[in-house]
C-alpha cells in the first residue's frame, strides 16, 4: 500500500478523529479508504444509470416532451386508473 500525505480542513480532521474514537474505524487511513471506495462505487452506479437512461432515450420509445407535457400526461394516466 502506498503512503500518502494529505491536508484536511479542521472539520474533516475532527470528523475523522471522532470516527476513530467512536471505533467506527480502527484508523484514519481505514476511514479514508472506506470513503474513497464508497465514492468510486457511487460513481460506477451513476455511470450505470446514465448508460441506462441514454439507452432508453435512444430507443425512441419516449417521444420528446417538455416537463410540463410529461406531468400532464402522467396526471391524465393516473385519472384512468
PDB file of N, CA and C in Angstrom:
ATOM      1  N   UNK A   1       0.851  -1.167   0.000  1.00  0.00           N
ATOM      2  CA  UNK A   1       0.000   0.000   0.000  1.00  0.00           C
ATOM      3  C   UNK A   1       0.904   1.239   0.000  1.00  0.00           C
ATOM      4  N   UNK A   2       0.549   2.207  -0.826  1.00  0.00           N
ATOM      5  CA  UNK A   2       1.359   3.425  -0.874  1.00  0.00           C
ATOM      6  C   UNK A   2       0.988   4.348   0.270  1.00  0.00           C
ATOM      7  N   UNK A   3       1.951   5.113   0.687  1.00  0.00           N
ATOM      8  CA  UNK A   3       1.759   6.061   1.782  1.00  0.00           C
ATOM      9  C   UNK A   3       1.558   7.449   1.181  1.00  0.00           C
ATOM     10  N   UNK A   4       0.567   8.168   1.695  1.00  0.00           N
ATOM     11  CA  UNK A   4       0.243   9.499   1.197  1.00  0.00           C
ATOM     12  C   UNK A   4       0.220  10.487   2.349  1.00  0.00           C
ATOM     13  N   UNK A   5       0.498  11.721   2.014  1.00  0.00           N
ATOM     14  CA  UNK A   5       0.361  12.799   2.980  1.00  0.00           C
ATOM     15  C   UNK A   5      -0.723  13.725   2.443  1.00  0.00           C
ATOM     16  N   UNK A   6      -1.760  13.956   3.234  1.00  0.00           N
ATOM     17  CA  UNK A   6      -2.850  14.825   2.788  1.00  0.00           C
ATOM     18  C   UNK A   6      -3.116  15.902   3.830  1.00  0.00           C
ATOM     19  N   UNK A   7      -3.696  16.983   3.373  1.00  0.00           N
ATOM     20  CA  UNK A   7      -4.108  18.061   4.267  1.00  0.00           C
ATOM     21  C   UNK A   7      -5.626  18.027   4.373  1.00  0.00           C
ATOM     22  N   UNK A   8      -6.130  18.215   5.577  1.00  0.00           N
ATOM     23  CA  UNK A   8      -7.566  18.193   5.817  1.00  0.00           C
ATOM     24  C   UNK A   8      -8.010  19.511   6.432  1.00  0.00           C
ATOM     25  N   UNK A   9      -9.231  19.887   6.125  1.00  0.00           N
ATOM     26  CA  UNK A   9      -9.796  21.045   6.812  1.00  0.00           C
ATOM     27  C   UNK A   9     -10.056  20.642   8.263  1.00  0.00           C
ATOM     28  N   UNK A  10     -10.185  21.613   9.113  1.00  0.00           N
ATOM     29  CA  UNK A  10     -10.409  21.340  10.531  1.00  0.00           C
ATOM     30  C   UNK A  10     -11.670  20.496  10.770  1.00  0.00           C
ATOM     31  N   UNK A  11     -12.800  20.813  10.107  1.00  0.00           N
ATOM     32  CA  UNK A  11     -13.995  19.978  10.330  1.00  0.00           C
ATOM     33  C   UNK A  11     -13.794  18.529   9.878  1.00  0.00           C
ATOM     34  N   UNK A  12     -13.085  18.333   8.767  1.00  0.00           N
ATOM     35  CA  UNK A  12     -12.851  16.970   8.293  1.00  0.00           C
ATOM     36  C   UNK A  12     -11.910  16.217   9.225  1.00  0.00           C
ATOM     37  N   UNK A  13     -10.905  16.896   9.726  1.00  0.00           N
ATOM     38  CA  UNK A  13      -9.982  16.276  10.688  1.00  0.00           C
ATOM     39  C   UNK A  13     -10.746  15.877  11.949  1.00  0.00           C
ATOM     40  N   UNK A  14     -11.614  16.754  12.425  1.00  0.00           N
ATOM     41  CA  UNK A  14     -12.409  16.468  13.621  1.00  0.00           C
ATOM     42  C   UNK A  14     -13.341  15.280  13.383  1.00  0.00           C
ATOM     43  N   UNK A  15     -13.964  15.240  12.218  1.00  0.00           N
ATOM     44  CA  UNK A  15     -14.862  14.129  11.886  1.00  0.00           C
ATOM     45  C   UNK A  15     -14.092  12.814  11.893  1.00  0.00           C
ATOM     46  N   UNK A  16     -12.917  12.811  11.251  1.00  0.00           N
ATOM     47  CA  UNK A  16     -12.107  11.591  11.223  1.00  0.00           C
ATOM     48  C   UNK A  16     -11.723  11.141  12.629  1.00  0.00           C
ATOM     49  N   UNK A  17     -11.276  12.070  13.440  1.00  0.00           N
ATOM     50  CA  UNK A  17     -10.907  11.731  14.817  1.00  0.00           C
ATOM     51  C   UNK A  17     -12.098  11.141  15.564  1.00  0.00           C
ATOM     52  N   UNK A  18     -13.269  11.742  15.389  1.00  0.00           N
ATOM     53  CA  UNK A  18     -14.475  11.242  16.056  1.00  0.00           C
ATOM     54  C   UNK A  18     -14.827   9.829  15.608  1.00  0.00           C
ATOM     55  N   UNK A  19     -14.655   9.549  14.320  1.00  0.00           N
ATOM     56  CA  UNK A  19     -14.953   8.216  13.800  1.00  0.00           C
ATOM     57  C   UNK A  19     -14.034   7.168  14.416  1.00  0.00           C
ATOM     58  N   UNK A  20     -12.756   7.502  14.529  1.00  0.00           N
ATOM     59  CA  UNK A  20     -11.793   6.573  15.131  1.00  0.00           C
ATOM     60  C   UNK A  20     -12.067   6.426  16.628  1.00  0.00           C
ATOM     61  N   UNK A  21     -12.319   7.534  17.306  1.00  0.00           N
ATOM     62  CA  UNK A  21     -12.616   7.492  18.747  1.00  0.00           C
ATOM     63  C   UNK A  21     -13.881   6.682  19.046  1.00  0.00           C
ATOM     64  N   UNK A  22     -14.860   6.755  18.154  1.00  0.00           N
ATOM     65  CA  UNK A  22     -16.113   6.006  18.330  1.00  0.00           C
ATOM     66  C   UNK A  22     -15.956   4.556  17.863  1.00  0.00           C
ATOM     67  N   UNK A  23     -14.763   4.215  17.422  1.00  0.00           N
ATOM     68  CA  UNK A  23     -14.429   2.866  16.950  1.00  0.00           C
ATOM     69  C   UNK A  23     -15.235   2.448  15.726  1.00  0.00           C
ATOM     70  N   UNK A  24     -15.668   3.441  14.940  1.00  0.00           N
ATOM     71  CA  UNK A  24     -16.287   3.138  13.650  1.00  0.00           C
ATOM     72  C   UNK A  24     -15.225   2.612  12.681  1.00  0.00           C
ATOM     73  N   UNK A  25     -14.013   3.126  12.839  1.00  0.00           N
ATOM     74  CA  UNK A  25     -12.855   2.706  12.054  1.00  0.00           C
ATOM     75  C   UNK A  25     -11.685   2.558  13.010  1.00  0.00           C
ATOM     76  N   UNK A  26     -10.746   1.698  12.637  1.00  0.00           N
ATOM     77  CA  UNK A  26      -9.597   1.497  13.519  1.00  0.00           C
ATOM     78  C   UNK A  26      -8.521   2.561  13.323  1.00  0.00           C
ATOM     79  N   UNK A  27      -8.599   3.284  12.195  1.00  0.00           N
ATOM     80  CA  UNK A  27      -7.612   4.334  11.932  1.00  0.00           C
ATOM     81  C   UNK A  27      -8.199   5.335  10.939  1.00  0.00           C
ATOM     82  N   UNK A  28      -7.532   6.469  10.840  1.00  0.00           N
ATOM     83  CA  UNK A  28      -7.940   7.473   9.852  1.00  0.00           C
ATOM     84  C   UNK A  28      -7.768   6.919   8.447  1.00  0.00           C
ATOM     85  N   UNK A  29      -6.703   6.164   8.233  1.00  0.00           N
ATOM     86  CA  UNK A  29      -6.467   5.579   6.911  1.00  0.00           C
ATOM     87  C   UNK A  29      -7.606   4.661   6.503  1.00  0.00           C
ATOM     88  N   UNK A  30      -8.085   3.850   7.434  1.00  0.00           N
ATOM     89  CA  UNK A  30      -9.200   2.952   7.132  1.00  0.00           C
ATOM     90  C   UNK A  30     -10.438   3.755   6.749  1.00  0.00           C
ATOM     91  N   UNK A  31     -10.706   4.832   7.471  1.00  0.00           N
ATOM     92  CA  UNK A  31     -11.871   5.667   7.181  1.00  0.00           C
ATOM     93  C   UNK A  31     -11.749   6.302   5.795  1.00  0.00           C
ATOM     94  N   UNK A  32     -10.584   6.824   5.477  1.00  0.00           N
ATOM     95  CA  UNK A  32     -10.382   7.472   4.177  1.00  0.00           C
ATOM     96  C   UNK A  32     -10.498   6.453   3.045  1.00  0.00           C
ATOM     97  N   UNK A  33      -9.905   5.268   3.225  1.00  0.00           N
ATOM     98  CA  UNK A  33     -10.037   4.234   2.203  1.00  0.00           C
ATOM     99  C   UNK A  33     -11.487   3.829   2.005  1.00  0.00           C
ATOM    100  N   UNK A  34     -12.255   3.736   3.108  1.00  0.00           N
ATOM    101  CA  UNK A  34     -13.677   3.423   3.015  1.00  0.00           C
ATOM    102  C   UNK A  34     -14.418   4.490   2.218  1.00  0.00           C
ATOM    103  N   UNK A  35     -14.143   5.761   2.517  1.00  0.00           N
ATOM    104  CA  UNK A  35     -14.822   6.858   1.818  1.00  0.00           C
ATOM    105  C   UNK A  35     -14.477   6.879   0.332  1.00  0.00           C
ATOM    106  N   UNK A  36     -13.238   6.616   0.000  1.00  0.00           N
ATOM    107  CA  UNK A  36     -12.835   6.584  -1.411  1.00  0.00           C
ATOM    108  C   UNK A  36     -13.523   5.424  -2.119  1.00  0.00           C
ATOM    109  N   UNK A  37     -13.547   4.255  -1.475  1.00  0.00           N
ATOM    110  CA  UNK A  37     -14.210   3.095  -2.072  1.00  0.00           C
ATOM    111  C   UNK A  37     -15.692   3.387  -2.300  1.00  0.00           C
ATOM    112  N   UNK A  38     -16.316   4.024  -1.316  1.00  0.00           N
ATOM    113  CA  UNK A  38     -17.739   4.374  -1.432  1.00  0.00           C
ATOM    114  C   UNK A  38     -17.968   5.354  -2.590  1.00  0.00           C
ATOM    115  N   UNK A  39     -17.100   6.350  -2.716  1.00  0.00           N
ATOM    116  CA  UNK A  39     -17.226   7.330  -3.804  1.00  0.00           C
ATOM    117  C   UNK A  39     -17.051   6.649  -5.159  1.00  0.00           C
ATOM    118  N   UNK A  40     -16.092   5.726  -5.252  1.00  0.00           N
ATOM    119  CA  UNK A  40     -15.880   5.012  -6.509  1.00  0.00           C
ATOM    120  C   UNK A  40     -17.090   4.167  -6.866  1.00  0.00           C
ATOM    121  N   UNK A  41     -17.666   3.506  -5.880  1.00  0.00           N
ATOM    122  CA  UNK A  41     -18.851   2.682  -6.107  1.00  0.00           C
ATOM    123  C   UNK A  41     -20.025   3.542  -6.559  1.00  0.00           C
ATOM    124  N   UNK A  42     -20.175   4.696  -5.937  1.00  0.00           N
ATOM    125  CA  UNK A  42     -21.255   5.614  -6.306  1.00  0.00           C
ATOM    126  C   UNK A  42     -21.066   6.108  -7.736  1.00  0.00           C
ATOM    127  N   UNK A  43     -19.835   6.395  -8.102  1.00  0.00           N
ATOM    128  CA  UNK A  43     -19.535   6.839  -9.464  1.00  0.00           C
ATOM    129  C   UNK A  43     -19.879   5.748 -10.472  1.00  0.00           C
ATOM    130  N   UNK A  44     -19.559   4.503 -10.142  1.00  0.00           N
ATOM    131  CA  UNK A  44     -19.895   3.383 -11.025  1.00  0.00           C
ATOM    132  C   UNK A  44     -21.403   3.251 -11.168  1.00  0.00           C
ATOM    133  N   UNK A  45     -22.143   3.443 -10.076  1.00  0.00           N
ATOM    134  CA  UNK A  45     -23.603   3.369 -10.128  1.00  0.00           C
ATOM    135  C   UNK A  45     -24.159   4.481 -11.013  1.00  0.00           C
ATOM    136  N   UNK A  46     -23.652   5.701 -10.847  1.00  0.00           N
ATOM    137  CA  UNK A  46     -24.114   6.816 -11.678  1.00  0.00           C
ATOM    138  C   UNK A  46     -23.828   6.551 -13.150  1.00  0.00           C
ATOM    139  N   UNK A  47     -22.663   6.001 -13.459  1.00  0.00           N
ATOM    140  CA  UNK A  47     -22.340   5.658 -14.845  1.00  0.00           C
ATOM    141  C   UNK A  47     -23.322   4.626 -15.384  1.00  0.00           C
ATOM    142  N   UNK A  48     -23.670   3.640 -14.559  1.00  0.00           N
ATOM    143  CA  UNK A  48     -24.631   2.608 -14.945  1.00  0.00           C
ATOM    144  C   UNK A  48     -25.991   3.231 -15.252  1.00  0.00           C
ATOM    145  N   UNK A  49     -26.453   4.111 -14.353  1.00  0.00           N
ATOM    146  CA  UNK A  49     -27.761   4.755 -14.542  1.00  0.00           C
ATOM    147  C   UNK A  49     -27.742   5.638 -15.783  1.00  0.00           C
ATOM    148  N   UNK A  50     -26.652   6.411 -15.964  1.00  0.00           N
ATOM    149  CA  UNK A  50     -26.554   7.256 -17.160  1.00  0.00           C
ATOM    150  C   UNK A  50     -26.624   6.421 -18.428  1.00  0.00           C
ATOM    151  N   UNK A  51     -25.946   5.285 -18.447  1.00  0.00           N
ATOM    152  CA  UNK A  51     -25.956   4.413 -19.619  1.00  0.00           C
ATOM    153  C   UNK A  51     -27.364   3.892 -19.889  1.00  0.00           C
ATOM    154  N   UNK A  52     -28.066   3.506 -18.830  1.00  0.00           N
ATOM    155  CA  UNK A  52     -29.447   3.027 -18.998  1.00  0.00           C
ATOM    156  C   UNK A  52     -30.354   4.140 -19.516  1.00  0.00           C
ATOM    157  N   UNK A  53     -30.189   5.358 -18.975  1.00  0.00           N
ATOM    158  CA  UNK A  53     -31.004   6.485 -19.444  1.00  0.00           C
ATOM    159  C   UNK A  53     -30.708   6.798 -20.901  1.00  0.00           C
ATOM    160  N   UNK A  54     -29.432   6.816 -21.271  1.00  0.00           N
ATOM    161  CA  UNK A  54     -29.067   7.071 -22.663  1.00  0.00           C
ATOM    162  C   UNK A  54     -29.676   6.017 -23.580  1.00  0.00           C
ATOM    163  N   UNK A  55     -29.576   4.768 -23.164  1.00  0.00           N
ATOM    164  CA  UNK A  55     -30.129   3.686 -23.984  1.00  0.00           C
ATOM    165  C   UNK A  55     -31.639   3.841 -24.133  1.00  0.00           C
ATOM    166  N   UNK A  56     -32.299   4.201 -23.034  1.00  0.00           N
ATOM    167  CA  UNK A  56     -33.742   4.398 -23.084  1.00  0.00           C
ATOM    168  C   UNK A  56     -34.135   5.560 -23.987  1.00  0.00           C
ATOM    169  N   UNK A  57     -33.395   6.662 -23.898  1.00  0.00           N
ATOM    170  CA  UNK A  57     -33.698   7.821 -24.738  1.00  0.00           C
ATOM    171  C   UNK A  57     -33.472   7.517 -26.209  1.00  0.00           C
ATOM    172  N   UNK A  58     -32.452   6.736 -26.505  1.00  0.00           N
ATOM    173  CA  UNK A  58     -32.130   6.417 -27.892  1.00  0.00           C
ATOM    174  C   UNK A  58     -33.049   5.343 -28.470  1.00  0.00           C
ATOM    175  N   UNK A  59     -33.810   4.659 -27.614  1.00  0.00           N
ATOM    176  CA  UNK A  59     -34.679   3.585 -28.085  1.00  0.00           C
ATOM    177  C   UNK A  59     -35.856   4.130 -28.891  1.00  0.00           C
ATOM    178  N   UNK A  60     -36.163   5.414 -28.696  1.00  0.00           N
ATOM    179  CA  UNK A  60     -37.279   6.003 -29.425  1.00  0.00           C
ATOM    180  C   UNK A  60     -38.618   5.734 -28.774  1.00  0.00           C
ATOM    181  N   UNK A  61     -38.622   5.016 -27.679  1.00  0.00           N
ATOM    182  CA  UNK A  61     -39.872   4.675 -27.014  1.00  0.00           C
ATOM    183  C   UNK A  61     -40.577   5.905 -26.469  1.00  0.00           C
ATOM    184  N   UNK A  62     -39.820   6.838 -25.934  1.00  0.00           N
ATOM    185  CA  UNK A  62     -40.392   8.050 -25.353  1.00  0.00           C
ATOM    186  C   UNK A  62     -40.274   9.184 -26.364  1.00  0.00           C
ATOM    187  N   UNK A  63     -41.391   9.852 -26.591  1.00  0.00           N
ATOM    188  CA  UNK A  63     -41.333  10.994 -27.501  1.00  0.00           C
ATOM    189  C   UNK A  63     -40.840  12.212 -26.730  1.00  0.00           C
ATOM    190  N   UNK A  64     -40.214  13.120 -27.420  1.00  0.00           N
ATOM    191  CA  UNK A  64     -39.684  14.323 -26.774  1.00  0.00           C
ATOM    192  C   UNK A  64     -40.841  15.194 -26.299  1.00  0.00           C
ATOM    193  N   UNK A  65     -40.813  15.506 -25.006  1.00  0.00           N
ATOM    194  CA  UNK A  65     -41.833  16.353 -24.415  1.00  0.00           C
ATOM    195  C   UNK A  65     -41.179  17.280 -23.408  1.00  0.00           C
ATOM    196  N   UNK A  66     -41.875  18.342 -23.108  1.00  0.00           N
ATOM    197  CA  UNK A  66     -41.404  19.208 -22.026  1.00  0.00           C
ATOM    198  C   UNK A  66     -41.797  18.562 -20.701  1.00  0.00           C
ATOM    199  N   UNK A  67     -41.214  19.059 -19.602  1.00  0.00           N
ATOM    200  CA  UNK A  67     -41.573  18.554 -18.281  1.00  0.00           C
ATOM    201  C   UNK A  67     -43.068  18.727 -18.026  1.00  0.00           C
ATOM    202  N   UNK A  68     -43.589  19.871 -18.449  1.00  0.00           N
ATOM    203  CA  UNK A  68     -44.999  20.166 -18.211  1.00  0.00           C
ATOM    204  C   UNK A  68     -45.899  19.198 -18.971  1.00  0.00           C
ATOM    205  N   UNK A  69     -45.521  18.899 -20.225  1.00  0.00           N
ATOM    206  CA  UNK A  69     -46.317  17.958 -21.021  1.00  0.00           C
ATOM    207  C   UNK A  69     -46.277  16.558 -20.410  1.00  0.00           C
ATOM    208  N   UNK A  70     -45.107  16.158 -19.949  1.00  0.00           N
ATOM    209  CA  UNK A  70     -44.984  14.841 -19.326  1.00  0.00           C
ATOM    210  C   UNK A  70     -45.825  14.767 -18.058  1.00  0.00           C
ATOM    211  N   UNK A  71     -45.781  15.826 -17.232  1.00  0.00           N
ATOM    212  CA  UNK A  71     -46.557  15.845 -16.000  1.00  0.00           C
ATOM    213  C   UNK A  71     -48.054  15.749 -16.303  1.00  0.00           C
ATOM    214  N   UNK A  72     -48.505  16.499 -17.288  1.00  0.00           N
ATOM    215  CA  UNK A  72     -49.917  16.456 -17.662  1.00  0.00           C
ATOM    216  C   UNK A  72     -50.308  15.055 -18.133  1.00  0.00           C
ATOM    217  N   UNK A  73     -49.436  14.410 -18.894  1.00  0.00           N
ATOM    218  CA  UNK A  73     -49.717  13.059 -19.380  1.00  0.00           C
ATOM    219  C   UNK A  73     -49.774  12.062 -18.218  1.00  0.00           C
ATOM    220  N   UNK A  74     -48.854  12.186 -17.265  1.00  0.00           N
ATOM    221  CA  UNK A  74     -48.855  11.298 -16.103  1.00  0.00           C
ATOM    222  C   UNK A  74     -50.140  11.477 -15.302  1.00  0.00           C
ATOM    223  N   UNK A  75     -50.537  12.731 -15.107  1.00  0.00           N
ATOM    224  CA  UNK A  75     -51.759  13.012 -14.347  1.00  0.00           C
ATOM    225  C   UNK A  75     -52.982  12.435 -15.052  1.00  0.00           C
ATOM    226  N   UNK A  76     -52.989  12.571 -16.382  1.00  0.00           N
ATOM    227  CA  UNK A  76     -54.102  12.037 -17.164  1.00  0.00           C
ATOM    228  C   UNK A  76     -54.163  10.518 -17.019  1.00  0.00           C
ATOM    229  N   UNK A  77     -52.988   9.874 -17.109  1.00  0.00           N
ATOM    230  CA  UNK A  77     -52.941   8.424 -16.966  1.00  0.00           C
ATOM    231  C   UNK A  77     -53.368   7.965 -15.580  1.00  0.00           C
ATOM    232  N   UNK A  78     -53.020   8.737 -14.548  1.00  0.00           N
ATOM    233  CA  UNK A  78     -53.431   8.381 -13.191  1.00  0.00           C
ATOM    234  C   UNK A  78     -54.943   8.462 -13.022  1.00  0.00           C
ATOM    235  N   UNK A  79     -55.571   9.384 -13.736  1.00  0.00           N
ATOM    236  CA  UNK A  79     -57.018   9.517 -13.683  1.00  0.00           C
ATOM    237  C   UNK A  79     -57.724   8.349 -14.314  1.00  0.00           C
ATOM    238  N   UNK A  80     -57.041   7.627 -15.189  1.00  0.00           N
ATOM    239  CA  UNK A  80     -57.646   6.471 -15.870  1.00  0.00           C
ATOM    240  C   UNK A  80     -57.457   5.168 -15.093  1.00  0.00           C
ATOM    241  N   UNK A  81     -56.818   5.233 -13.951  1.00  0.00           N
ATOM    242  CA  UNK A  81     -56.527   4.006 -13.192  1.00  0.00           C
ATOM    243  C   UNK A  81     -57.707   3.611 -12.345  1.00  0.00           C
TER     244      UNK A  81
END
